[in-house]
Amino acid sequence: MFGDLMGNMKEQQKEMRKKLAEFRVQGDSGNGAVKVTANANRELIDIQFDKDKLDWEDTEMVQDLIIAAVNQALEKAAEKEAEEAQNIMKNMLPPGMGDLGNLFG
């Protein structure tokens, strides 16, 4: 029984990773000066800059804006990942488990 459950869980995780790779989330900072796109696996996909909104001579400011945008995108990705993990846990409960499904969100 538990062997089947663990095998199913690994397969579910694999499917979840594929699904999360398709979700896109975006973080931005500096009023749109830096935009970062990531997938819900917390992998960076793209970084864009609005050259007119950045002072390229102020390296520290540019670095701070990049870090803020990346962190925002990764936070959104983590939220989506957690949401999908909860859905998997709910779906893995055997029928008739009643309100136990509510433990996962």
C-alpha atoms as a PDB file:
ATOM      1  CA  MET A   1       0.000   0.000   0.000  1.00  0.00           C
ATOM      2  CA  PHE A   2       2.637   2.523   1.041  1.00  0.00           C
ATOM      3  CA  GLY A   3       4.876   1.486  -1.861  1.00  0.00           C
ATOM      4  CA  ASP A   4       2.073   2.343  -4.275  1.00  0.00           C
ATOM      5  CA  LEU A   5       1.461   5.602  -2.474  1.00  0.00           C
ATOM      6  CA  MET A   6       5.137   6.607  -2.607  1.00  0.00           C
ATOM      7  CA  GLY A   7       5.424   5.635  -6.276  1.00  0.00           C
ATOM      8  CA  ASN A   8       2.309   7.641  -7.030  1.00  0.00           C
ATOM      9  CA  MET A   9       3.699  10.578  -5.072  1.00  0.00           C
ATOM     10  CA  LYS A  10       6.916  10.592  -7.129  1.00  0.00           C
ATOM     11  CA  GLU A  11       4.904  10.512 -10.330  1.00  0.00           C
ATOM     12  CA  GLN A  12       2.672  13.321  -9.059  1.00  0.00           C
ATOM     13  CA  GLN A  13       5.746  15.418  -8.192  1.00  0.00           C
ATOM     14  CA  LYS A  14       7.181  14.847 -11.657  1.00  0.00           C
ATOM     15  CA  GLU A  15       3.906  15.931 -13.253  1.00  0.00           C
ATOM     16  CA  MET A  16       3.736  18.947 -10.951  1.00  0.00           C
ATOM     17  CA  ARG A  17       7.238  20.081 -12.021  1.00  0.00           C
ATOM     18  CA  LYS A  18       6.208  19.879 -15.678  1.00  0.00           C
ATOM     19  CA  LYS A  19       3.068  21.879 -14.952  1.00  0.00           C
ATOM     20  CA  LEU A  20       4.929  24.477 -12.872  1.00  0.00           C
ATOM     21  CA  ALA A  21       7.415  25.019 -15.697  1.00  0.00           C
ATOM     22  CA  GLU A  22       4.517  26.314 -17.808  1.00  0.00           C
ATOM     23  CA  PHE A  23       3.299  28.924 -15.281  1.00  0.00           C
ATOM     24  CA  ARG A  24       4.832  32.380 -15.662  1.00  0.00           C
ATOM     25  CA  VAL A  25       5.060  34.945 -12.894  1.00  0.00           C
ATOM     26  CA  GLN A  26       6.532  38.422 -13.022  1.00  0.00           C
ATOM     27  CA  GLY A  27       8.235  40.701 -10.565  1.00  0.00           C
ATOM     28  CA  ASP A  28       9.116  44.311 -11.179  1.00  0.00           C
ATOM     29  CA  SER A  29      10.791  47.174  -9.394  1.00  0.00           C
ATOM     30  CA  GLY A  30      11.639  50.805  -9.902  1.00  0.00           C
ATOM     31  CA  ASN A  31       8.218  51.550 -11.332  1.00  0.00           C
ATOM     32  CA  GLY A  32       8.819  49.089 -14.165  1.00  0.00           C
ATOM     33  CA  ALA A  33      12.522  49.841 -14.615  1.00  0.00           C
ATOM     34  CA  VAL A  34      13.325  46.155 -14.083  1.00  0.00           C
ATOM     35  CA  LYS A  35      10.979  43.296 -14.961  1.00  0.00           C
ATOM     36  CA  VAL A  36      11.800  39.670 -14.183  1.00  0.00           C
ATOM     37  CA  THR A  37       9.889  36.672 -15.458  1.00  0.00           C
ATOM     38  CA  ALA A  38      10.192  33.287 -13.778  1.00  0.00           C
ATOM     39  CA  ASN A  39       8.320  30.030 -13.921  1.00  0.00           C
ATOM     40  CA  ALA A  40       6.658  28.415 -10.935  1.00  0.00           C
ATOM     41  CA  ASN A  41       9.654  26.072 -10.561  1.00  0.00           C
ATOM     42  CA  ARG A  42      11.505  29.209  -9.427  1.00  0.00           C
ATOM     43  CA  GLU A  43      13.642  29.360 -12.547  1.00  0.00           C
ATOM     44  CA  LEU A  44      14.376  32.762 -14.096  1.00  0.00           C
ATOM     45  CA  ILE A  45      13.130  33.010 -17.676  1.00  0.00           C
ATOM     46  CA  ASP A  46      13.754  36.641 -18.627  1.00  0.00           C
ATOM     47  CA  ILE A  47      15.011  39.977 -17.309  1.00  0.00           C
ATOM     48  CA  GLN A  48      14.078  43.233 -19.028  1.00  0.00           C
ATOM     49  CA  PHE A  49      15.233  46.772 -18.384  1.00  0.00           C
ATOM     50  CA  ASP A  50      13.656  50.100 -19.246  1.00  0.00           C
ATOM     51  CA  LYS A  51      16.843  51.995 -20.079  1.00  0.00           C
ATOM     52  CA  ASP A  52      15.152  55.369 -19.651  1.00  0.00           C
ATOM     53  CA  LYS A  53      14.210  54.604 -16.040  1.00  0.00           C
ATOM     54  CA  LEU A  54      17.654  53.436 -14.913  1.00  0.00           C
ATOM     55  CA  ASP A  55      20.739  55.435 -14.001  1.00  0.00           C
ATOM     56  CA  TRP A  56      23.376  53.018 -15.249  1.00  0.00           C
ATOM     57  CA  GLU A  57      26.101  55.014 -13.461  1.00  0.00           C
ATOM     58  CA  ASP A  58      24.462  54.154 -10.122  1.00  0.00           C
ATOM     59  CA  THR A  59      25.447  50.493 -10.047  1.00  0.00           C
ATOM     60  CA  GLU A  60      24.207  49.947  -6.504  1.00  0.00           C
ATOM     61  CA  MET A  61      20.716  51.204  -7.396  1.00  0.00           C
ATOM     62  CA  VAL A  62      20.577  48.964 -10.491  1.00  0.00           C
ATOM     63  CA  GLN A  63      21.665  45.968  -8.425  1.00  0.00           C
ATOM     64  CA  ASP A  64      19.043  46.727  -5.759  1.00  0.00           C
ATOM     65  CA  LEU A  65      16.296  46.991  -8.390  1.00  0.00           C
ATOM     66  CA  ILE A  66      17.319  43.692  -9.981  1.00  0.00           C
ATOM     67  CA  ILE A  67      17.390  41.941  -6.611  1.00  0.00           C
ATOM     68  CA  ALA A  68      13.974  43.353  -5.667  1.00  0.00           C
ATOM     69  CA  ALA A  69      12.392  42.269  -8.963  1.00  0.00           C
ATOM     70  CA  VAL A  70      13.946  38.779  -8.785  1.00  0.00           C
ATOM     71  CA  ASN A  71      12.823  38.294  -5.189  1.00  0.00           C
ATOM     72  CA  GLN A  72       9.286  39.384  -6.053  1.00  0.00           C
ATOM     73  CA  ALA A  73       9.088  36.962  -8.990  1.00  0.00           C
ATOM     74  CA  LEU A  74      10.501  34.090  -6.922  1.00  0.00           C
ATOM     75  CA  GLU A  75       8.039  34.817  -4.103  1.00  0.00           C
ATOM     76  CA  LYS A  76       5.130  34.599  -6.550  1.00  0.00           C
ATOM     77  CA  ALA A  77       6.595  31.381  -7.976  1.00  0.00           C
ATOM     78  CA  ALA A  78       6.834  29.867  -4.487  1.00  0.00           C
ATOM     79  CA  GLU A  79       3.188  30.761  -3.810  1.00  0.00           C
ATOM     80  CA  LYS A  80       2.085  29.035  -7.017  1.00  0.00           C
ATOM     81  CA  GLU A  81       4.240  26.004  -6.200  1.00  0.00           C
ATOM     82  CA  ALA A  82       2.678  25.734  -2.732  1.00  0.00           C
ATOM     83  CA  GLU A  83      -0.808  26.009  -4.219  1.00  0.00           C
ATOM     84  CA  GLU A  84      -0.106  23.191  -6.666  1.00  0.00           C
ATOM     85  CA  ALA A  85       1.437  21.022  -3.916  1.00  0.00           C
ATOM     86  CA  GLN A  86      -1.724  21.452  -1.829  1.00  0.00           C
ATOM     87  CA  ASN A  87      -3.844  20.370  -4.784  1.00  0.00           C
ATOM     88  CA  ILE A  88      -1.742  17.232  -5.214  1.00  0.00           C
ATOM     89  CA  MET A  89      -2.039  16.359  -1.525  1.00  0.00           C
ATOM     90  CA  LYS A  90      -5.822  16.759  -1.679  1.00  0.00           C
ATOM     91  CA  ASN A  91      -5.999  14.554  -4.771  1.00  0.00           C
ATOM     92  CA  MET A  92      -3.874  11.844  -3.161  1.00  0.00           C
ATOM     93  CA  LEU A  93      -6.245  11.309  -0.227  1.00  0.00           C
ATOM     94  CA  PRO A  94      -8.280   8.152  -0.599  1.00  0.00           C
ATOM     95  CA  PRO A  95     -12.019   8.573  -1.176  1.00  0.00           C
ATOM     96  CA  GLY A  96     -14.057   8.817   1.993  1.00  0.00           C
ATOM     97  CA  MET A  97     -11.413  10.555   4.076  1.00  0.00           C
ATOM     98  CA  GLY A  98     -13.963  13.215   4.908  1.00  0.00           C
ATOM     99  CA  ASP A  99     -12.678  16.555   6.099  1.00  0.00           C
ATOM    100  CA  LEU A 100      -8.990  15.562   6.087  1.00  0.00           C
ATOM    101  CA  GLY A 101      -8.720  17.296   2.731  1.00  0.00           C
ATOM    102  CA  ASN A 102      -9.258  20.593   4.570  1.00  0.00           C
ATOM    103  CA  LEU A 103      -5.920  20.102   6.364  1.00  0.00           C
ATOM    104  CA  PHE A 104      -4.143  20.967   3.120  1.00  0.00           C
ATOM    105  CA  GLY A 105      -5.769  24.314   2.381  1.00  0.00           C
END
